[in-house]
């Protein structure tokens, strides 16, 4: 009796351990409809930018930026022809390049400024030393470069793995039967598609 009990616990323990290790398959990626995307295909190396209308493993549908707002404006691309898909995830300012360009211009302008240790006491158009000219002009130009760089924004694109898209939409005739929650209970749902 003890052997059966111990054997039962051991087998139950292995079964529970094996059951706990089974991980569910991760859900397919669902891109938000209406998001700004850009697509590159095998036929064209240029980016096609637009608004996402739908995506699955079979097709990527988008409304191109230059498309008319009404009518048949969707572009449907087969997924196997798409080489890259990216989603717009934000915008960032260009303050660092502005700082670098402004500083470089400031150094060049500071080296070209008029320097006269005698005239600088009476005339504001002269600097007393080359170092003071470079520092003053570089600081001013760097601040202006940062301000201009903050105004210039660029898009931040995040790549999307094409194999993470959801399954293709089924086409062709299909019929289905299922239960659907309705107020006050359950109802029967019948679907037929041709």
N, C-alpha and C. Protein backbone atom coordinates (compact mmCIF):
# COMPACT_ATOMS: atom_id res chain seq x y z
N UNK A 1 0.83 -1.19 0.00
CA UNK A 1 0.00 0.00 0.00
C UNK A 1 0.87 1.25 0.00
N UNK A 2 1.95 1.20 0.81
CA UNK A 2 2.84 2.36 0.87
C UNK A 2 3.51 2.60 -0.48
N UNK A 3 3.88 1.56 -1.18
CA UNK A 3 4.56 1.70 -2.46
C UNK A 3 3.62 2.37 -3.47
N UNK A 4 2.36 1.97 -3.48
CA UNK A 4 1.41 2.58 -4.40
C UNK A 4 1.22 4.06 -4.05
N UNK A 5 1.16 4.38 -2.76
CA UNK A 5 1.00 5.76 -2.33
C UNK A 5 2.19 6.61 -2.76
N UNK A 6 3.41 6.12 -2.51
CA UNK A 6 4.64 6.85 -2.88
C UNK A 6 4.72 6.98 -4.39
N UNK A 7 4.43 5.89 -5.10
CA UNK A 7 4.46 5.91 -6.55
C UNK A 7 3.43 6.92 -7.09
N UNK A 8 2.26 6.97 -6.49
CA UNK A 8 1.23 7.93 -6.90
C UNK A 8 1.69 9.37 -6.70
N UNK A 9 2.32 9.65 -5.57
CA UNK A 9 2.81 11.00 -5.29
C UNK A 9 3.91 11.39 -6.26
N UNK A 10 4.84 10.46 -6.53
CA UNK A 10 5.93 10.74 -7.46
C UNK A 10 5.38 11.02 -8.86
N UNK A 11 4.47 10.17 -9.33
CA UNK A 11 3.91 10.38 -10.67
C UNK A 11 3.09 11.67 -10.72
N UNK A 12 2.33 11.94 -9.67
CA UNK A 12 1.56 13.18 -9.62
C UNK A 12 2.49 14.39 -9.63
N UNK A 13 3.60 14.30 -8.89
CA UNK A 13 4.57 15.40 -8.84
C UNK A 13 5.20 15.66 -10.20
N UNK A 14 5.59 14.57 -10.92
CA UNK A 14 6.15 14.76 -12.26
C UNK A 14 5.12 15.33 -13.22
N UNK A 15 3.90 14.86 -13.10
CA UNK A 15 2.84 15.36 -13.98
C UNK A 15 2.56 16.83 -13.73
N UNK A 16 2.54 17.22 -12.45
CA UNK A 16 2.30 18.62 -12.12
C UNK A 16 3.45 19.48 -12.60
N UNK A 17 4.69 18.97 -12.46
CA UNK A 17 5.85 19.73 -12.93
C UNK A 17 5.84 19.90 -14.44
N UNK A 18 5.48 18.82 -15.15
CA UNK A 18 5.42 18.90 -16.61
C UNK A 18 4.31 19.85 -17.04
N UNK A 19 3.19 19.84 -16.33
CA UNK A 19 2.09 20.73 -16.67
C UNK A 19 2.47 22.19 -16.42
N UNK A 20 3.21 22.44 -15.37
CA UNK A 20 3.60 23.81 -15.04
C UNK A 20 4.58 24.37 -16.06
N UNK A 21 5.34 23.50 -16.76
CA UNK A 21 6.34 23.99 -17.69
C UNK A 21 5.75 24.30 -19.06
N UNK A 22 4.55 23.89 -19.35
CA UNK A 22 3.94 24.17 -20.64
C UNK A 22 3.55 25.65 -20.68
N UNK A 23 4.16 26.38 -21.62
CA UNK A 23 3.88 27.80 -21.74
C UNK A 23 2.93 28.04 -22.90
N UNK A 24 1.99 28.94 -22.73
CA UNK A 24 1.09 29.22 -23.85
C UNK A 24 1.84 29.95 -24.96
N UNK A 25 1.38 29.76 -26.18
CA UNK A 25 2.00 30.43 -27.32
C UNK A 25 1.71 31.92 -27.21
N UNK A 26 2.73 32.77 -27.43
CA UNK A 26 2.48 34.20 -27.32
C UNK A 26 1.46 34.65 -28.36
N UNK A 27 0.62 35.61 -27.99
CA UNK A 27 -0.39 36.07 -28.94
C UNK A 27 0.26 36.79 -30.11
N UNK A 28 -0.42 36.78 -31.24
CA UNK A 28 0.09 37.47 -32.42
C UNK A 28 0.08 38.97 -32.17
N UNK A 29 1.03 39.66 -32.76
CA UNK A 29 1.14 41.10 -32.61
C UNK A 29 -0.02 41.77 -33.34
N UNK A 30 -0.70 42.66 -32.66
CA UNK A 30 -1.77 43.42 -33.29
C UNK A 30 -1.35 44.87 -33.34
N UNK A 31 -1.04 45.35 -34.53
CA UNK A 31 -0.66 46.74 -34.71
C UNK A 31 -1.90 47.61 -34.63
N UNK A 32 -1.78 48.78 -34.03
CA UNK A 32 -2.95 49.65 -33.90
C UNK A 32 -3.36 50.23 -35.25
N UNK A 33 -4.59 49.97 -35.66
CA UNK A 33 -5.11 50.56 -36.89
C UNK A 33 -5.15 52.07 -36.71
N UNK A 34 -4.67 52.80 -37.70
CA UNK A 34 -4.60 54.25 -37.61
C UNK A 34 -3.20 54.76 -37.28
N UNK A 35 -2.28 53.84 -36.96
CA UNK A 35 -0.91 54.25 -36.64
C UNK A 35 -0.18 54.63 -37.93
N UNK A 36 0.77 55.54 -37.81
CA UNK A 36 1.60 55.90 -38.97
C UNK A 36 2.66 54.83 -39.13
N UNK A 37 2.78 54.30 -40.34
CA UNK A 37 3.75 53.26 -40.63
C UNK A 37 4.50 53.63 -41.91
N UNK A 38 5.62 52.93 -42.09
CA UNK A 38 6.31 53.01 -43.37
C UNK A 38 6.75 51.61 -43.75
N UNK A 39 6.68 51.31 -45.05
CA UNK A 39 6.90 49.97 -45.56
C UNK A 39 7.90 50.06 -46.71
N UNK A 40 8.80 49.09 -46.76
CA UNK A 40 9.72 48.96 -47.89
C UNK A 40 9.49 47.58 -48.50
N UNK A 41 9.35 47.53 -49.83
CA UNK A 41 9.05 46.27 -50.52
C UNK A 41 10.24 45.83 -51.36
N UNK A 42 10.15 44.59 -51.85
CA UNK A 42 11.20 44.07 -52.73
C UNK A 42 11.21 44.80 -54.06
N UNK A 43 10.04 45.24 -54.52
CA UNK A 43 9.93 45.92 -55.80
C UNK A 43 10.51 47.34 -55.76
N UNK A 44 10.42 48.01 -54.61
CA UNK A 44 10.88 49.38 -54.50
C UNK A 44 11.65 49.54 -53.20
N UNK A 45 12.80 50.15 -53.28
CA UNK A 45 13.61 50.38 -52.07
C UNK A 45 13.22 51.67 -51.35
N UNK A 46 12.29 52.44 -51.95
CA UNK A 46 11.81 53.66 -51.32
C UNK A 46 10.77 53.33 -50.25
N UNK A 47 10.72 54.12 -49.18
CA UNK A 47 9.73 53.92 -48.14
C UNK A 47 8.37 54.37 -48.64
N UNK A 48 7.36 53.60 -48.35
CA UNK A 48 5.97 53.98 -48.58
C UNK A 48 5.40 54.32 -47.21
N UNK A 49 5.06 55.59 -47.00
CA UNK A 49 4.54 56.04 -45.70
C UNK A 49 3.03 56.19 -45.80
N UNK A 50 2.36 55.88 -44.68
CA UNK A 50 0.92 56.04 -44.65
C UNK A 50 0.33 55.66 -43.31
N UNK A 51 -0.99 55.52 -43.29
CA UNK A 51 -1.74 55.16 -42.10
C UNK A 51 -2.16 53.71 -42.21
N UNK A 52 -1.90 52.93 -41.17
CA UNK A 52 -2.20 51.50 -41.19
C UNK A 52 -3.70 51.27 -41.18
N UNK A 53 -4.17 50.44 -42.13
CA UNK A 53 -5.58 50.08 -42.19
C UNK A 53 -5.80 48.64 -41.72
N UNK A 54 -4.74 47.83 -41.67
CA UNK A 54 -4.84 46.45 -41.21
C UNK A 54 -3.57 45.70 -41.56
N UNK A 55 -3.24 44.68 -40.78
CA UNK A 55 -2.04 43.88 -41.04
C UNK A 55 -2.21 42.49 -40.47
N UNK A 56 -1.81 41.49 -41.25
CA UNK A 56 -1.75 40.11 -40.80
C UNK A 56 -0.63 39.44 -41.57
N UNK A 57 -0.46 38.14 -41.40
CA UNK A 57 0.65 37.46 -42.07
C UNK A 57 0.48 37.42 -43.58
N UNK A 58 -0.71 37.66 -44.09
CA UNK A 58 -0.94 37.61 -45.53
C UNK A 58 -0.85 38.96 -46.22
N UNK A 59 -1.36 40.01 -45.58
CA UNK A 59 -1.47 41.31 -46.23
C UNK A 59 -1.22 42.45 -45.24
N UNK A 60 -0.62 43.51 -45.74
CA UNK A 60 -0.49 44.76 -44.99
C UNK A 60 -1.24 45.81 -45.79
N UNK A 61 -2.26 46.41 -45.18
CA UNK A 61 -3.07 47.42 -45.85
C UNK A 61 -2.80 48.78 -45.21
N UNK A 62 -2.57 49.77 -46.05
CA UNK A 62 -2.35 51.12 -45.54
C UNK A 62 -2.90 52.14 -46.51
N UNK A 63 -3.17 53.32 -45.98
CA UNK A 63 -3.60 54.45 -46.79
C UNK A 63 -2.37 55.34 -46.97
N UNK A 64 -1.80 55.39 -48.18
CA UNK A 64 -0.59 56.19 -48.38
C UNK A 64 -0.83 57.67 -48.07
N UNK A 65 0.25 58.37 -47.73
CA UNK A 65 0.15 59.79 -47.37
C UNK A 65 -0.45 60.63 -48.49
N UNK A 66 -0.11 60.31 -49.73
CA UNK A 66 -0.58 61.13 -50.86
C UNK A 66 -1.92 60.66 -51.42
N UNK A 67 -2.56 59.68 -50.79
CA UNK A 67 -3.83 59.15 -51.27
C UNK A 67 -4.97 60.13 -51.00
N UNK A 68 -6.01 60.13 -51.85
CA UNK A 68 -7.16 61.00 -51.59
C UNK A 68 -7.90 60.53 -50.33
N UNK A 69 -8.55 61.45 -49.61
CA UNK A 69 -9.20 61.06 -48.35
C UNK A 69 -10.43 60.18 -48.54
N UNK A 70 -11.07 60.24 -49.70
CA UNK A 70 -12.28 59.43 -49.94
C UNK A 70 -12.06 58.50 -51.12
N UNK A 71 -12.87 57.47 -51.19
CA UNK A 71 -12.79 56.55 -52.32
C UNK A 71 -11.88 55.37 -52.01
N UNK A 72 -11.49 54.67 -53.05
CA UNK A 72 -10.63 53.49 -52.91
C UNK A 72 -9.19 53.97 -52.74
N UNK A 73 -8.82 54.24 -51.51
CA UNK A 73 -7.51 54.81 -51.25
C UNK A 73 -6.56 53.85 -50.53
N UNK A 74 -6.98 52.62 -50.27
CA UNK A 74 -6.12 51.68 -49.56
C UNK A 74 -5.14 51.00 -50.50
N UNK A 75 -3.94 50.81 -50.02
CA UNK A 75 -2.92 50.06 -50.74
C UNK A 75 -2.72 48.76 -49.98
N UNK A 76 -2.95 47.63 -50.65
CA UNK A 76 -2.79 46.31 -50.03
C UNK A 76 -1.53 45.67 -50.58
N UNK A 77 -0.60 45.36 -49.68
CA UNK A 77 0.67 44.75 -50.06
C UNK A 77 0.74 43.33 -49.51
N UNK A 78 1.09 42.35 -50.34
CA UNK A 78 1.27 41.00 -49.80
C UNK A 78 2.48 40.97 -48.87
N UNK A 79 2.33 40.33 -47.73
CA UNK A 79 3.39 40.33 -46.71
C UNK A 79 4.70 39.73 -47.21
N UNK A 80 4.63 38.74 -48.10
CA UNK A 80 5.88 38.13 -48.58
C UNK A 80 6.69 39.08 -49.44
N UNK A 81 6.07 40.13 -49.98
CA UNK A 81 6.79 41.13 -50.78
C UNK A 81 7.35 42.27 -49.95
N UNK A 82 6.98 42.33 -48.66
CA UNK A 82 7.43 43.42 -47.78
C UNK A 82 8.75 43.02 -47.13
N UNK A 83 9.76 43.88 -47.24
CA UNK A 83 11.05 43.58 -46.63
C UNK A 83 11.20 44.25 -45.27
N UNK A 84 10.58 45.42 -45.09
CA UNK A 84 10.67 46.12 -43.80
C UNK A 84 9.35 46.80 -43.49
N UNK A 85 9.00 46.79 -42.21
CA UNK A 85 7.81 47.48 -41.72
C UNK A 85 8.20 48.18 -40.43
N UNK A 86 7.93 49.49 -40.36
CA UNK A 86 8.26 50.26 -39.16
C UNK A 86 7.05 51.09 -38.75
N UNK A 87 6.91 51.29 -37.43
CA UNK A 87 5.81 52.07 -36.86
C UNK A 87 6.40 53.33 -36.24
N UNK A 88 5.71 54.46 -36.44
CA UNK A 88 6.13 55.72 -35.83
C UNK A 88 5.84 55.66 -34.34
N UNK A 89 6.88 55.81 -33.52
CA UNK A 89 6.70 55.73 -32.07
C UNK A 89 6.96 57.05 -31.36
N UNK A 90 7.31 58.09 -32.09
CA UNK A 90 7.51 59.38 -31.45
C UNK A 90 8.30 60.33 -32.34
N UNK A 91 8.62 61.48 -31.76
CA UNK A 91 9.42 62.49 -32.45
C UNK A 91 10.46 62.99 -31.47
N UNK A 92 11.65 63.28 -31.98
CA UNK A 92 12.70 63.79 -31.10
C UNK A 92 13.29 65.05 -31.70
N UNK A 93 13.75 65.92 -30.81
CA UNK A 93 14.35 67.17 -31.27
C UNK A 93 15.80 66.94 -31.67
N UNK A 94 16.36 67.87 -32.39
CA UNK A 94 17.72 67.77 -32.91
C UNK A 94 18.63 68.78 -32.20
N UNK A 95 18.51 68.88 -30.87
CA UNK A 95 19.28 69.88 -30.15
C UNK A 95 20.77 69.58 -30.16
N UNK A 96 21.17 68.30 -30.11
CA UNK A 96 22.59 67.96 -30.09
C UNK A 96 23.28 68.32 -31.40
N UNK A 97 22.72 67.94 -32.57
CA UNK A 97 23.35 68.42 -33.80
C UNK A 97 23.35 69.94 -33.90
N UNK A 98 22.29 70.59 -33.39
CA UNK A 98 22.26 72.06 -33.38
C UNK A 98 23.38 72.64 -32.54
N UNK A 99 23.63 72.01 -31.38
CA UNK A 99 24.74 72.45 -30.51
C UNK A 99 26.08 72.30 -31.22
N UNK A 100 26.29 71.16 -31.88
CA UNK A 100 27.57 70.92 -32.56
C UNK A 100 27.79 71.87 -33.73
N UNK A 101 26.75 72.06 -34.54
CA UNK A 101 26.88 72.98 -35.68
C UNK A 101 27.07 74.41 -35.20
N UNK A 102 26.28 74.80 -34.21
CA UNK A 102 26.42 76.16 -33.66
C UNK A 102 27.80 76.40 -33.06
N UNK A 103 28.34 75.41 -32.36
CA UNK A 103 29.68 75.54 -31.78
C UNK A 103 30.75 75.65 -32.86
N UNK A 104 30.64 74.85 -33.91
CA UNK A 104 31.62 74.90 -35.00
C UNK A 104 31.59 76.25 -35.70
N UNK A 105 30.40 76.76 -35.95
CA UNK A 105 30.29 78.08 -36.56
C UNK A 105 30.84 79.15 -35.63
N UNK A 106 30.59 79.00 -34.33
CA UNK A 106 31.09 79.96 -33.36
C UNK A 106 32.60 79.99 -33.29
N UNK A 107 33.25 78.82 -33.32
CA UNK A 107 34.72 78.77 -33.30
C UNK A 107 35.28 79.44 -34.55
N UNK A 108 34.70 79.13 -35.71
CA UNK A 108 35.19 79.73 -36.96
C UNK A 108 35.00 81.24 -36.95
N UNK A 109 33.84 81.69 -36.49
CA UNK A 109 33.60 83.14 -36.44
C UNK A 109 34.48 83.81 -35.39
N UNK A 110 34.72 83.13 -34.27
CA UNK A 110 35.59 83.72 -33.23
C UNK A 110 37.02 83.87 -33.68
N UNK A 111 37.50 82.92 -34.52
CA UNK A 111 38.86 83.02 -35.05
C UNK A 111 38.97 84.14 -36.09
N UNK A 112 37.87 84.56 -36.66
CA UNK A 112 37.87 85.60 -37.70
C UNK A 112 37.57 86.99 -37.13
N UNK A 113 37.22 87.10 -35.88
CA UNK A 113 36.84 88.39 -35.29
C UNK A 113 38.07 89.29 -35.13
N UNK A 114 37.79 90.60 -35.12
CA UNK A 114 38.86 91.58 -34.91
C UNK A 114 39.27 91.60 -33.45
N UNK A 115 40.59 91.51 -33.20
CA UNK A 115 41.13 91.53 -31.84
C UNK A 115 42.13 92.68 -31.75
N UNK A 116 41.90 93.55 -30.77
CA UNK A 116 42.83 94.66 -30.53
C UNK A 116 42.77 95.00 -29.05
N UNK A 117 43.85 94.71 -28.31
CA UNK A 117 43.81 94.95 -26.86
C UNK A 117 43.65 96.42 -26.49
N UNK A 118 44.00 97.34 -27.35
CA UNK A 118 43.87 98.76 -27.03
C UNK A 118 42.47 99.25 -27.38
N UNK A 119 42.00 98.93 -28.58
CA UNK A 119 40.71 99.41 -29.04
C UNK A 119 39.54 98.79 -28.25
N UNK A 120 39.74 97.58 -27.67
CA UNK A 120 38.63 96.91 -26.98
C UNK A 120 38.14 97.67 -25.77
N UNK A 121 39.00 98.58 -25.21
CA UNK A 121 38.57 99.37 -24.04
C UNK A 121 37.62 100.49 -24.43
N UNK A 122 37.67 100.93 -25.69
CA UNK A 122 36.84 102.06 -26.14
C UNK A 122 35.75 101.66 -27.14
N UNK A 123 35.95 100.52 -27.84
CA UNK A 123 35.04 100.13 -28.92
C UNK A 123 34.56 98.69 -28.70
N UNK A 124 33.25 98.50 -28.69
CA UNK A 124 32.68 97.16 -28.46
C UNK A 124 32.83 96.24 -29.67
N UNK A 125 33.27 96.76 -30.81
CA UNK A 125 33.43 95.93 -32.00
C UNK A 125 34.73 95.13 -31.97
N UNK A 126 35.56 95.32 -30.98
CA UNK A 126 36.85 94.62 -30.88
C UNK A 126 36.87 93.79 -29.60
N UNK A 127 37.55 92.63 -29.68
CA UNK A 127 37.79 91.81 -28.49
C UNK A 127 39.21 92.06 -28.03
N UNK A 128 39.43 91.86 -26.72
CA UNK A 128 40.75 92.11 -26.16
C UNK A 128 41.74 90.98 -26.44
N UNK A 129 41.24 89.75 -26.63
CA UNK A 129 42.13 88.62 -26.94
C UNK A 129 41.39 87.63 -27.85
N UNK A 130 42.18 86.80 -28.52
CA UNK A 130 41.60 85.82 -29.41
C UNK A 130 40.75 84.80 -28.62
N UNK A 131 41.21 84.42 -27.43
CA UNK A 131 40.47 83.45 -26.60
C UNK A 131 39.11 84.01 -26.19
N UNK A 132 39.05 85.28 -25.79
CA UNK A 132 37.76 85.86 -25.40
C UNK A 132 36.83 85.96 -26.60
N UNK A 133 37.36 86.20 -27.78
CA UNK A 133 36.54 86.26 -29.00
C UNK A 133 35.95 84.89 -29.31
N UNK A 134 36.80 83.87 -29.26
CA UNK A 134 36.32 82.51 -29.57
C UNK A 134 35.29 82.05 -28.54
N UNK A 135 35.55 82.28 -27.26
CA UNK A 135 34.62 81.83 -26.21
C UNK A 135 33.28 82.55 -26.32
N UNK A 136 33.29 83.85 -26.50
CA UNK A 136 32.04 84.62 -26.55
C UNK A 136 31.20 84.26 -27.77
N UNK A 137 31.84 84.21 -28.93
CA UNK A 137 31.10 83.91 -30.16
C UNK A 137 30.63 82.46 -30.15
N UNK A 138 31.47 81.53 -29.67
CA UNK A 138 31.09 80.11 -29.64
C UNK A 138 29.91 79.89 -28.69
N UNK A 139 29.92 80.51 -27.53
CA UNK A 139 28.82 80.34 -26.56
C UNK A 139 27.51 80.86 -27.15
N UNK A 140 27.56 82.04 -27.76
CA UNK A 140 26.35 82.61 -28.35
C UNK A 140 25.83 81.74 -29.49
N UNK A 141 26.72 81.32 -30.36
CA UNK A 141 26.33 80.50 -31.51
C UNK A 141 25.83 79.12 -31.06
N UNK A 142 26.42 78.55 -30.02
CA UNK A 142 25.98 77.24 -29.52
C UNK A 142 24.56 77.33 -28.95
N UNK A 143 24.26 78.39 -28.22
CA UNK A 143 22.91 78.56 -27.66
C UNK A 143 21.89 78.72 -28.79
N UNK A 144 22.23 79.49 -29.81
CA UNK A 144 21.33 79.63 -30.96
C UNK A 144 21.14 78.29 -31.68
N UNK A 145 22.22 77.52 -31.80
CA UNK A 145 22.13 76.20 -32.44
C UNK A 145 21.22 75.26 -31.67
N UNK A 146 21.29 75.27 -30.34
CA UNK A 146 20.42 74.43 -29.52
C UNK A 146 18.96 74.85 -29.70
N UNK A 147 18.69 76.15 -29.72
CA UNK A 147 17.31 76.62 -29.89
C UNK A 147 16.74 76.21 -31.25
N UNK A 148 17.53 76.36 -32.30
CA UNK A 148 17.07 75.94 -33.63
C UNK A 148 16.89 74.42 -33.67
N UNK A 149 17.82 73.68 -33.07
CA UNK A 149 17.71 72.21 -33.05
C UNK A 149 16.49 71.73 -32.29
N UNK A 150 16.08 72.45 -31.25
CA UNK A 150 14.87 72.07 -30.49
C UNK A 150 13.61 72.25 -31.34
N UNK A 151 13.65 73.19 -32.28
CA UNK A 151 12.50 73.42 -33.13
C UNK A 151 12.39 72.39 -34.25
N UNK A 152 13.50 71.80 -34.65
CA UNK A 152 13.51 70.82 -35.73
C UNK A 152 13.31 69.43 -35.12
N UNK A 153 12.23 68.78 -35.50
CA UNK A 153 11.91 67.45 -34.95
C UNK A 153 12.03 66.41 -36.06
N UNK A 154 12.48 65.21 -35.69
CA UNK A 154 12.54 64.10 -36.62
C UNK A 154 11.73 62.93 -36.07
N UNK A 155 11.23 62.11 -36.97
CA UNK A 155 10.42 60.95 -36.58
C UNK A 155 11.30 59.84 -36.02
N UNK A 156 10.76 59.12 -35.04
CA UNK A 156 11.42 57.94 -34.48
C UNK A 156 10.61 56.72 -34.93
N UNK A 157 11.24 55.85 -35.72
CA UNK A 157 10.58 54.67 -36.27
C UNK A 157 11.08 53.42 -35.55
N UNK A 158 10.17 52.51 -35.22
CA UNK A 158 10.51 51.25 -34.57
C UNK A 158 10.21 50.10 -35.52
N UNK A 159 11.20 49.25 -35.82
CA UNK A 159 10.96 48.12 -36.73
C UNK A 159 9.99 47.10 -36.11
N UNK A 160 9.20 46.47 -36.98
CA UNK A 160 8.25 45.44 -36.57
C UNK A 160 8.65 44.15 -37.29
N UNK A 161 8.77 43.07 -36.54
CA UNK A 161 9.08 41.77 -37.14
C UNK A 161 7.85 41.27 -37.89
N UNK A 162 8.02 40.99 -39.16
CA UNK A 162 6.88 40.58 -39.98
C UNK A 162 6.32 39.23 -39.55
N UNK A 163 7.15 38.36 -38.97
CA UNK A 163 6.64 37.06 -38.53
C UNK A 163 5.83 37.17 -37.24
N UNK A 164 5.76 38.34 -36.62
CA UNK A 164 4.97 38.52 -35.40
C UNK A 164 3.55 38.98 -35.68
N UNK A 165 3.23 39.22 -36.95
CA UNK A 165 1.88 39.66 -37.29
C UNK A 165 0.90 38.51 -37.12
N UNK A 166 -0.36 38.86 -36.95
CA UNK A 166 -1.40 37.85 -36.73
C UNK A 166 -1.65 36.98 -37.93
N UNK A 167 -2.46 35.94 -37.76
CA UNK A 167 -2.76 35.03 -38.88
C UNK A 167 -3.55 35.75 -39.96
N UNK A 168 -3.45 35.27 -41.19
CA UNK A 168 -4.19 35.92 -42.28
C UNK A 168 -5.69 35.75 -42.10
N UNK A 169 -6.41 36.72 -42.61
CA UNK A 169 -7.86 36.63 -42.56
C UNK A 169 -8.30 35.53 -43.51
N UNK A 170 -9.22 34.70 -43.06
CA UNK A 170 -9.68 33.59 -43.89
C UNK A 170 -10.57 34.14 -45.00
N UNK A 171 -10.39 33.59 -46.19
CA UNK A 171 -11.22 33.97 -47.31
C UNK A 171 -11.96 32.74 -47.80
N UNK A 172 -12.98 32.95 -48.55
CA UNK A 172 -13.75 31.83 -49.08
C UNK A 172 -14.95 31.55 -48.21
N UNK A 173 -15.80 30.59 -48.64
CA UNK A 173 -17.00 30.28 -47.88
C UNK A 173 -16.66 29.65 -46.54
N UNK A 174 -17.46 30.01 -45.55
CA UNK A 174 -17.23 29.50 -44.20
C UNK A 174 -18.52 29.62 -43.41
N UNK A 175 -18.76 28.68 -42.53
CA UNK A 175 -19.93 28.73 -41.64
C UNK A 175 -19.47 28.43 -40.23
N UNK A 176 -20.12 29.04 -39.25
CA UNK A 176 -19.74 28.83 -37.86
C UNK A 176 -20.93 28.89 -36.94
N UNK A 177 -20.81 28.23 -35.79
CA UNK A 177 -21.86 28.20 -34.80
C UNK A 177 -21.20 28.36 -33.44
N UNK A 178 -21.73 29.21 -32.58
CA UNK A 178 -21.13 29.40 -31.27
C UNK A 178 -22.09 30.07 -30.31
N UNK A 179 -21.63 30.20 -29.06
CA UNK A 179 -22.41 30.87 -28.02
C UNK A 179 -21.91 32.29 -27.88
N UNK A 180 -22.84 33.18 -27.59
CA UNK A 180 -22.49 34.59 -27.46
C UNK A 180 -23.24 35.14 -26.26
N UNK A 181 -22.53 35.89 -25.37
CA UNK A 181 -23.25 36.46 -24.23
C UNK A 181 -24.20 37.57 -24.68
N UNK A 182 -25.40 37.52 -24.17
CA UNK A 182 -26.41 38.55 -24.42
C UNK A 182 -26.96 38.99 -23.07
N UNK A 183 -27.57 40.16 -22.99
CA UNK A 183 -28.13 40.58 -21.70
C UNK A 183 -29.14 39.56 -21.18
N UNK A 184 -28.89 39.06 -20.02
CA UNK A 184 -29.78 38.11 -19.38
C UNK A 184 -29.45 36.65 -19.65
N UNK A 185 -28.32 36.34 -20.31
CA UNK A 185 -27.98 34.94 -20.54
C UNK A 185 -27.07 34.75 -21.73
N UNK A 186 -27.24 33.60 -22.39
CA UNK A 186 -26.42 33.25 -23.55
C UNK A 186 -27.32 33.12 -24.77
N UNK A 187 -26.74 33.44 -25.94
CA UNK A 187 -27.47 33.28 -27.20
C UNK A 187 -26.64 32.46 -28.16
N UNK A 188 -27.25 31.98 -29.18
CA UNK A 188 -26.57 31.20 -30.20
C UNK A 188 -26.20 32.15 -31.34
N UNK A 189 -24.92 32.08 -31.76
CA UNK A 189 -24.45 32.91 -32.85
C UNK A 189 -24.15 32.03 -34.07
N UNK A 190 -24.73 32.37 -35.19
CA UNK A 190 -24.50 31.65 -36.44
C UNK A 190 -23.86 32.62 -37.41
N UNK A 191 -22.77 32.18 -38.05
CA UNK A 191 -22.13 33.06 -39.04
C UNK A 191 -21.92 32.28 -40.33
N UNK A 192 -22.19 32.94 -41.42
CA UNK A 192 -22.00 32.35 -42.75
C UNK A 192 -21.31 33.41 -43.60
N UNK A 193 -20.24 32.98 -44.29
CA UNK A 193 -19.52 33.92 -45.17
C UNK A 193 -19.29 33.25 -46.51
N UNK A 194 -19.49 34.00 -47.57
CA UNK A 194 -19.30 33.48 -48.91
C UNK A 194 -18.12 34.13 -49.57
